[in-house]
Amino acid sequence: MSRRIVDTIVHVTSAAKRYAAGDLSVSVDVRDKNEIGDLGHATNLMADSLRSVLAPCSAAPPCSRTPRASCRR
């Protein structure tokens, strides 16, 4: 049980570091149905939200000198 908790925390930490580096392609495999599992689910929801917020920016041409309200770089 404790090994599974540690593994989930390690995966969440790794995913968070990749998100911070701009890689939103990863997700956390969640198997626990406890607070640690909730943390994994919340991490996945955060990544989903970031992807949906940033999708218009990645599809748009590079921002000009005057940043658009929805796409600040």
Protein backbone atom coordinates (compact mmCIF):
# COMPACT_ATOMS: atom_id res chain seq x y z
CA MET A 1 0.00 0.00 0.00
CA SER A 2 2.67 2.54 0.97
CA ARG A 3 4.70 1.73 -2.15
CA ARG A 4 1.67 2.51 -4.32
CA ILE A 5 1.22 5.84 -2.55
CA VAL A 6 4.87 6.74 -3.07
CA ASP A 7 4.69 5.69 -6.75
CA THR A 8 1.67 7.92 -7.32
CA ILE A 9 3.39 10.88 -5.66
CA VAL A 10 6.48 10.29 -7.80
CA HIS A 11 4.32 10.22 -10.96
CA VAL A 12 2.45 13.38 -9.97
CA THR A 13 5.75 15.14 -9.25
CA SER A 14 7.19 14.05 -12.59
CA ALA A 15 4.07 15.19 -14.45
CA ALA A 16 4.09 18.56 -12.67
CA LYS A 17 7.73 19.12 -13.65
CA ARG A 18 6.93 18.30 -17.27
CA TYR A 19 3.94 20.69 -17.19
CA ALA A 20 6.23 23.39 -15.82
CA ALA A 21 8.59 22.75 -18.75
CA GLY A 22 5.68 23.16 -21.19
CA ASP A 23 4.96 19.50 -21.91
CA LEU A 24 1.23 19.01 -21.35
CA SER A 25 1.07 15.66 -23.12
CA VAL A 26 1.51 13.54 -19.99
CA SER A 27 -1.13 12.34 -17.57
CA VAL A 28 -1.01 10.51 -14.27
CA ASP A 29 -2.22 6.91 -14.12
CA VAL A 30 -4.54 6.90 -11.11
CA ARG A 31 -5.48 3.64 -9.39
CA ASP A 32 -5.94 4.71 -5.78
CA LYS A 33 -9.36 5.64 -4.46
CA ASN A 34 -8.09 7.83 -1.63
CA GLU A 35 -6.57 11.27 -1.15
CA ILE A 36 -3.54 10.30 -3.22
CA GLY A 37 -5.84 9.21 -6.03
CA ASP A 38 -7.64 12.54 -5.69
CA LEU A 39 -4.29 14.28 -6.12
CA GLY A 40 -3.64 12.33 -9.32
CA HIS A 41 -7.10 13.15 -10.67
CA ALA A 42 -6.67 16.82 -9.79
CA THR A 43 -3.32 16.84 -11.59
CA ASN A 44 -4.95 15.40 -14.71
CA LEU A 45 -7.78 17.95 -14.51
CA MET A 46 -5.21 20.75 -14.23
CA ALA A 47 -3.43 19.52 -17.35
CA ASP A 48 -6.74 19.25 -19.23
CA SER A 49 -7.61 22.83 -18.24
CA LEU A 50 -4.19 24.11 -19.28
CA ARG A 51 -4.45 22.34 -22.63
CA SER A 52 -7.86 23.87 -23.33
CA VAL A 53 -6.71 27.35 -22.29
CA LEU A 54 -3.51 27.18 -24.31
CA ALA A 55 -4.94 25.47 -27.41
CA PRO A 56 -6.07 28.76 -29.04
CA CYS A 57 -2.56 30.17 -28.57
CA SER A 58 -0.84 27.18 -30.15
CA ALA A 59 -3.21 27.27 -33.13
CA ALA A 60 -2.81 31.01 -33.64
CA PRO A 61 0.03 32.64 -35.53
CA PRO A 62 2.80 34.02 -33.34
CA CYS A 63 1.64 36.96 -31.26
CA SER A 64 2.53 40.38 -32.57
CA ARG A 65 4.17 43.05 -30.46
CA THR A 66 0.78 43.80 -28.92
CA PRO A 67 -0.30 40.62 -27.10
CA ARG A 68 -3.87 39.49 -27.54
CA ALA A 69 -5.89 39.20 -24.35
CA SER A 70 -6.39 35.47 -24.88
CA CYS A 71 -2.81 34.75 -25.92
CA ARG A 72 -0.11 36.45 -23.89
CA ARG A 73 3.41 35.19 -24.46
